[in-house]
Amino acid sequence: MTPVPQAPVLHADCIADSAGGLTFDVAAAGATDAARLVLRHREGHEEVALPLAPAAAGRLRAALPSSVALPRGHWDAWASVTAEDSDHRVAPGAMDVHPSAFRVPYATRQGNLSVECR
């Protein structure tokens, strides 16, 4: 039996500031202009797509400014780095969370990255 190829696991480092802004730094090679990070509301049908732009060698960055409204609840992080790539879950990396942040990134029990909006 031939094994099914798995999508590479993407890890995102996160910074959550006190104003509600979030920055995601994703380790990814071979990214194209179609690279994106998507936050999907777990309890609803809403999603916010953020472009992933080159930040450093092998790193992509997406920023969610505080001016973008996210309803309360849990938002799961998904990403794709090429136009042919389908969205897949993102694993958490390092997290720098300001004590008064109201959008808090965290690792789920399954080891995925999510954001709680309070």
Protein backbone atom coordinates (compact mmCIF):
# COMPACT_ATOMS: atom_id res chain seq x y z
CA MET A 1 0.00 0.00 0.00
CA THR A 2 1.38 3.39 -1.00
CA PRO A 3 1.31 6.00 1.80
CA VAL A 4 -0.74 9.12 1.15
CA PRO A 5 1.51 12.22 1.17
CA GLN A 6 0.77 14.51 4.08
CA ALA A 7 0.76 18.30 3.81
CA PRO A 8 3.74 19.84 5.59
CA VAL A 9 2.97 21.01 9.10
CA LEU A 10 3.14 24.79 9.28
CA HIS A 11 4.06 26.41 12.59
CA ALA A 12 3.16 30.01 13.41
CA ASP A 13 4.74 32.21 16.04
CA CYS A 14 2.18 34.73 17.35
CA ILE A 15 2.29 38.15 18.93
CA ALA A 16 -0.89 39.50 20.56
CA ASP A 17 -0.73 43.17 21.54
CA SER A 18 -2.85 45.07 24.06
CA ALA A 19 -4.79 46.90 21.33
CA GLY A 20 -6.09 43.66 19.79
CA GLY A 21 -3.62 43.29 16.94
CA LEU A 22 -2.23 39.88 16.06
CA THR A 23 0.89 39.03 14.07
CA PHE A 24 1.54 35.54 12.75
CA ASP A 25 5.01 34.49 11.55
CA VAL A 26 4.85 31.21 9.63
CA ALA A 27 7.84 29.05 8.78
CA ALA A 28 7.28 28.03 5.16
CA ALA A 29 9.41 27.35 2.12
CA GLY A 30 8.25 27.58 -1.48
CA ALA A 31 5.48 30.10 -0.86
CA THR A 32 3.75 31.93 -3.69
CA ASP A 33 1.71 35.13 -3.92
CA ALA A 34 -1.34 32.99 -3.10
CA ALA A 35 -0.08 32.21 0.43
CA ARG A 36 -2.67 33.03 3.07
CA LEU A 37 -3.61 32.45 6.69
CA VAL A 38 -7.30 32.04 7.43
CA LEU A 39 -9.04 32.41 10.78
CA ARG A 40 -12.33 30.46 10.85
CA HIS A 41 -14.91 30.99 13.56
CA ARG A 42 -15.46 27.62 15.18
CA GLU A 43 -19.15 28.16 15.97
CA GLY A 44 -20.16 30.03 12.83
CA HIS A 45 -19.50 30.39 9.14
CA GLU A 46 -17.33 33.48 9.31
CA GLU A 47 -13.72 33.61 8.22
CA VAL A 48 -11.02 36.22 7.83
CA ALA A 49 -8.32 35.63 5.21
CA LEU A 50 -4.96 37.34 5.67
CA PRO A 51 -2.24 37.40 3.00
CA LEU A 52 1.07 35.86 4.04
CA ALA A 53 3.92 38.07 2.81
CA PRO A 54 7.66 37.35 2.92
CA ALA A 55 9.19 38.54 6.20
CA ALA A 56 12.61 36.84 6.28
CA ALA A 57 14.31 33.83 4.73
CA GLY A 58 11.81 30.96 4.95
CA ARG A 59 9.32 33.06 6.97
CA LEU A 60 5.97 34.56 6.03
CA ARG A 61 4.01 37.13 8.01
CA ALA A 62 0.31 37.90 8.32
CA ALA A 63 -1.06 40.74 10.41
CA LEU A 64 -4.55 41.19 11.78
CA PRO A 65 -4.91 44.83 12.79
CA SER A 66 -6.97 45.77 15.80
CA SER A 67 -9.35 47.65 13.48
CA VAL A 68 -10.63 44.35 12.01
CA ALA A 69 -13.58 43.17 14.09
CA LEU A 70 -13.73 39.54 15.18
CA PRO A 71 -16.81 38.36 17.07
CA ARG A 72 -16.35 36.65 20.43
CA GLY A 73 -15.48 32.99 20.36
CA HIS A 74 -12.78 30.67 19.14
CA TRP A 75 -11.12 31.06 15.74
CA ASP A 76 -9.10 28.21 14.23
CA ALA A 77 -6.01 29.02 12.15
CA TRP A 78 -5.62 27.47 8.71
CA ALA A 79 -3.05 28.23 6.00
CA SER A 80 -1.97 27.47 2.47
CA VAL A 81 1.30 28.57 0.91
CA THR A 82 0.66 27.91 -2.80
CA ALA A 83 -2.33 28.23 -5.12
CA GLU A 84 -2.44 24.42 -5.45
CA ASP A 85 -2.29 23.88 -1.70
CA SER A 86 -5.53 23.46 0.22
CA ASP A 87 -5.94 25.10 3.61
CA HIS A 88 -4.68 22.97 6.48
CA ARG A 89 -4.42 23.52 10.21
CA VAL A 90 -1.52 25.50 11.63
CA ALA A 91 0.47 24.36 14.66
CA PRO A 92 1.43 26.92 17.32
CA GLY A 93 4.99 28.11 17.71
CA ALA A 94 6.23 30.70 20.20
CA MET A 95 3.53 32.97 21.58
CA ASP A 96 4.08 36.47 22.97
CA VAL A 97 0.81 37.60 24.52
CA HIS A 98 0.40 40.99 26.21
CA PRO A 99 -1.27 40.57 29.65
CA SER A 100 -4.23 42.75 28.63
CA ALA A 101 -4.71 41.19 25.16
CA PHE A 102 -8.32 40.33 24.37
CA ARG A 103 -7.43 38.21 21.33
CA VAL A 104 -5.38 35.37 22.76
CA PRO A 105 -3.63 32.71 20.64
CA TYR A 106 -3.40 29.25 22.21
CA ALA A 107 -2.69 25.60 21.44
CA THR A 108 -5.74 23.33 21.26
CA ARG A 109 -5.75 19.87 22.82
CA GLN A 110 -5.07 18.50 19.35
CA GLY A 111 -1.96 20.69 19.00
CA ASN A 112 -3.42 23.24 16.59
CA LEU A 113 -3.31 27.05 16.72
CA SER A 114 -6.51 28.88 17.63
CA VAL A 115 -7.39 32.37 18.84
CA GLU A 116 -9.88 33.19 21.56
CA CYS A 117 -11.62 36.53 21.18
CA ARG A 118 -13.01 37.77 24.47
